[in-house]
Amino acid sequence: MLPTTIRLAVIAHARTPLIRFLGSRKASPNAHHEAGRHPAAPKDAEYLFKAGTPLSPSSPLKTSAKQPSDVTTTPGPHGATRYTLDFAELPSRYRHPVLTEAEIEAVEMSFKKSV
């Protein structure tokens, strides 16, 4: 057992990671932090969320009850303004489905049977 301990102790200090990072680890001051289309995206595809603007009028997320003036604005990094929507204001296709009493009862009964 002693030779194994000595061998592992000698090897432990010589270990180097297999991954290597190129360049410094500091964030680039010229980093692009705005929303935009992916470079590989088709050029004719419509981009719904333009950088620095609320939802466009042609956006499918726009609801009739909510006007663009009601969108919450918050200060973002580098002096930019961020536009946010409340989760409750999204269309029903983006919400969790409403469970019926029968579905809830079925889940509870299956749990009771497994316990």
C-alpha atoms as a PDB file:
ATOM      1  CA  MET A   1       0.000   0.000   0.000  1.00  0.00           C
ATOM      2  CA  LEU A   2       2.875   2.344   0.693  1.00  0.00           C
ATOM      3  CA  PRO A   3       4.197   2.317  -2.903  1.00  0.00           C
ATOM      4  CA  THR A   4       0.738   3.299  -4.205  1.00  0.00           C
ATOM      5  CA  THR A   5       0.509   6.237  -1.779  1.00  0.00           C
ATOM      6  CA  ILE A   6       3.960   7.473  -2.752  1.00  0.00           C
ATOM      7  CA  ARG A   7       3.201   7.087  -6.478  1.00  0.00           C
ATOM      8  CA  LEU A   8      -0.072   9.021  -6.174  1.00  0.00           C
ATOM      9  CA  ALA A   9       1.615  11.754  -4.141  1.00  0.00           C
ATOM     10  CA  VAL A  10       4.274  12.204  -6.820  1.00  0.00           C
ATOM     11  CA  ILE A  11       1.738  12.253  -9.660  1.00  0.00           C
ATOM     12  CA  ALA A  12      -0.704  14.615  -7.873  1.00  0.00           C
ATOM     13  CA  HIS A  13       1.442  17.725  -8.249  1.00  0.00           C
ATOM     14  CA  ALA A  14       2.225  16.989 -11.913  1.00  0.00           C
ATOM     15  CA  ARG A  15      -1.406  16.931 -13.081  1.00  0.00           C
ATOM     16  CA  THR A  16      -2.395  19.522 -15.655  1.00  0.00           C
ATOM     17  CA  PRO A  17      -5.921  20.017 -16.986  1.00  0.00           C
ATOM     18  CA  LEU A  18      -6.673  18.709 -20.465  1.00  0.00           C
ATOM     19  CA  ILE A  19      -8.623  21.804 -21.494  1.00  0.00           C
ATOM     20  CA  ARG A  20      -6.782  24.933 -22.572  1.00  0.00           C
ATOM     21  CA  PHE A  21      -8.258  28.424 -22.862  1.00  0.00           C
ATOM     22  CA  LEU A  22      -7.014  30.816 -25.500  1.00  0.00           C
ATOM     23  CA  GLY A  23      -6.463  34.435 -24.524  1.00  0.00           C
ATOM     24  CA  SER A  24      -7.176  36.232 -21.303  1.00  0.00           C
ATOM     25  CA  ARG A  25     -10.186  35.393 -19.121  1.00  0.00           C
ATOM     26  CA  LYS A  26     -11.383  38.994 -18.863  1.00  0.00           C
ATOM     27  CA  ALA A  27     -14.638  39.981 -20.538  1.00  0.00           C
ATOM     28  CA  SER A  28     -14.119  41.941 -23.694  1.00  0.00           C
ATOM     29  CA  PRO A  29     -15.192  45.583 -23.380  1.00  0.00           C
ATOM     30  CA  ASN A  30     -16.476  45.359 -26.960  1.00  0.00           C
ATOM     31  CA  ALA A  31     -18.719  42.368 -26.214  1.00  0.00           C
ATOM     32  CA  HIS A  32     -22.085  42.432 -27.955  1.00  0.00           C
ATOM     33  CA  HIS A  33     -24.840  42.204 -25.310  1.00  0.00           C
ATOM     34  CA  GLU A  34     -27.863  43.219 -27.352  1.00  0.00           C
ATOM     35  CA  ALA A  35     -30.532  40.944 -28.727  1.00  0.00           C
ATOM     36  CA  GLY A  36     -30.230  40.251 -32.407  1.00  0.00           C
ATOM     37  CA  ARG A  37     -30.622  37.623 -35.053  1.00  0.00           C
ATOM     38  CA  HIS A  38     -28.200  34.723 -35.187  1.00  0.00           C
ATOM     39  CA  PRO A  39     -25.535  35.053 -37.900  1.00  0.00           C
ATOM     40  CA  ALA A  40     -26.717  31.788 -39.471  1.00  0.00           C
ATOM     41  CA  ALA A  41     -30.405  32.816 -39.478  1.00  0.00           C
ATOM     42  CA  PRO A  42     -32.088  33.291 -42.862  1.00  0.00           C
ATOM     43  CA  LYS A  43     -31.894  36.907 -44.029  1.00  0.00           C
ATOM     44  CA  ASP A  44     -35.586  37.062 -44.974  1.00  0.00           C
ATOM     45  CA  ALA A  45     -36.838  35.814 -41.576  1.00  0.00           C
ATOM     46  CA  GLU A  46     -38.545  38.470 -39.463  1.00  0.00           C
ATOM     47  CA  TYR A  47     -36.860  39.167 -36.143  1.00  0.00           C
ATOM     48  CA  LEU A  48     -39.547  39.933 -33.541  1.00  0.00           C
ATOM     49  CA  PHE A  49     -37.475  41.483 -30.769  1.00  0.00           C
ATOM     50  CA  LYS A  50     -35.379  44.331 -32.102  1.00  0.00           C
ATOM     51  CA  ALA A  51     -32.648  45.609 -29.792  1.00  0.00           C
ATOM     52  CA  GLY A  52     -33.823  48.532 -27.663  1.00  0.00           C
ATOM     53  CA  THR A  53     -37.470  48.505 -28.776  1.00  0.00           C
ATOM     54  CA  PRO A  54     -40.635  47.006 -27.303  1.00  0.00           C
ATOM     55  CA  LEU A  55     -42.543  44.316 -29.178  1.00  0.00           C
ATOM     56  CA  SER A  56     -43.129  45.190 -32.784  1.00  0.00           C
ATOM     57  CA  PRO A  57     -46.763  45.703 -33.931  1.00  0.00           C
ATOM     58  CA  SER A  58     -46.581  42.553 -36.082  1.00  0.00           C
ATOM     59  CA  SER A  59     -45.448  40.419 -33.143  1.00  0.00           C
ATOM     60  CA  PRO A  60     -47.634  37.361 -32.390  1.00  0.00           C
ATOM     61  CA  LEU A  61     -47.088  37.949 -28.652  1.00  0.00           C
ATOM     62  CA  LYS A  62     -49.019  41.203 -28.704  1.00  0.00           C
ATOM     63  CA  THR A  63     -52.361  41.006 -26.915  1.00  0.00           C
ATOM     64  CA  SER A  64     -55.332  43.254 -27.511  1.00  0.00           C
ATOM     65  CA  ALA A  65     -55.671  44.087 -23.793  1.00  0.00           C
ATOM     66  CA  LYS A  66     -52.100  45.309 -23.450  1.00  0.00           C
ATOM     67  CA  GLN A  67     -50.767  48.329 -25.303  1.00  0.00           C
ATOM     68  CA  PRO A  68     -47.024  48.832 -26.001  1.00  0.00           C
ATOM     69  CA  SER A  69     -47.066  51.828 -23.646  1.00  0.00           C
ATOM     70  CA  ASP A  70     -47.871  49.476 -20.755  1.00  0.00           C
ATOM     71  CA  VAL A  71     -44.686  47.454 -21.238  1.00  0.00           C
ATOM     72  CA  THR A  72     -42.407  47.821 -18.205  1.00  0.00           C
ATOM     73  CA  THR A  73     -39.097  49.531 -18.843  1.00  0.00           C
ATOM     74  CA  THR A  74     -36.113  48.994 -16.580  1.00  0.00           C
ATOM     75  CA  PRO A  75     -32.586  50.339 -16.823  1.00  0.00           C
ATOM     76  CA  GLY A  76     -30.184  47.808 -18.257  1.00  0.00           C
ATOM     77  CA  PRO A  77     -26.408  47.517 -18.458  1.00  0.00           C
ATOM     78  CA  HIS A  78     -24.429  50.176 -20.294  1.00  0.00           C
ATOM     79  CA  GLY A  79     -27.310  52.681 -20.043  1.00  0.00           C
ATOM     80  CA  ALA A  80     -29.642  50.661 -22.288  1.00  0.00           C
ATOM     81  CA  THR A  81     -33.344  50.285 -21.513  1.00  0.00           C
ATOM     82  CA  ARG A  82     -34.857  46.816 -21.200  1.00  0.00           C
ATOM     83  CA  TYR A  83     -38.485  46.106 -22.005  1.00  0.00           C
ATOM     84  CA  THR A  84     -40.233  43.369 -20.051  1.00  0.00           C
ATOM     85  CA  LEU A  85     -43.657  41.752 -20.093  1.00  0.00           C
ATOM     86  CA  ASP A  86     -45.560  40.235 -17.212  1.00  0.00           C
ATOM     87  CA  PHE A  87     -45.973  36.449 -17.496  1.00  0.00           C
ATOM     88  CA  ALA A  88     -49.733  36.759 -16.900  1.00  0.00           C
ATOM     89  CA  GLU A  89     -50.059  38.959 -20.001  1.00  0.00           C
ATOM     90  CA  LEU A  90     -48.814  36.292 -22.412  1.00  0.00           C
ATOM     91  CA  PRO A  91     -51.294  34.503 -24.696  1.00  0.00           C
ATOM     92  CA  SER A  92     -52.740  31.217 -23.467  1.00  0.00           C
ATOM     93  CA  ARG A  93     -50.541  29.170 -25.813  1.00  0.00           C
ATOM     94  CA  TYR A  94     -47.503  30.161 -23.721  1.00  0.00           C
ATOM     95  CA  ARG A  95     -49.097  29.414 -20.339  1.00  0.00           C
ATOM     96  CA  HIS A  96     -49.328  26.164 -18.430  1.00  0.00           C
ATOM     97  CA  PRO A  97     -52.502  24.237 -19.243  1.00  0.00           C
ATOM     98  CA  VAL A  98     -55.270  24.416 -16.654  1.00  0.00           C
ATOM     99  CA  LEU A  99     -55.810  21.046 -15.000  1.00  0.00           C
ATOM    100  CA  THR A 100     -59.328  19.724 -14.511  1.00  0.00           C
ATOM    101  CA  GLU A 101     -60.524  18.135 -11.269  1.00  0.00           C
ATOM    102  CA  ALA A 102     -60.513  14.709 -12.979  1.00  0.00           C
ATOM    103  CA  GLU A 103     -56.842  15.078 -13.967  1.00  0.00           C
ATOM    104  CA  ILE A 104     -55.862  16.172 -10.455  1.00  0.00           C
ATOM    105  CA  GLU A 105     -57.773  13.254  -8.938  1.00  0.00           C
ATOM    106  CA  ALA A 106     -56.090  10.792 -11.343  1.00  0.00           C
ATOM    107  CA  VAL A 107     -52.635  12.038 -10.348  1.00  0.00           C
ATOM    108  CA  GLU A 108     -53.460  11.853  -6.643  1.00  0.00           C
ATOM    109  CA  MET A 109     -54.890   8.331  -6.969  1.00  0.00           C
ATOM    110  CA  SER A 110     -51.842   7.060  -8.863  1.00  0.00           C
ATOM    111  CA  PHE A 111     -49.586   8.496  -6.138  1.00  0.00           C
ATOM    112  CA  LYS A 112     -51.624   6.815  -3.383  1.00  0.00           C
ATOM    113  CA  LYS A 113     -51.390   3.454  -5.172  1.00  0.00           C
ATOM    114  CA  SER A 114     -47.614   3.687  -5.511  1.00  0.00           C
ATOM    115  CA  VAL A 115     -47.056   4.499  -1.815  1.00  0.00           C
END
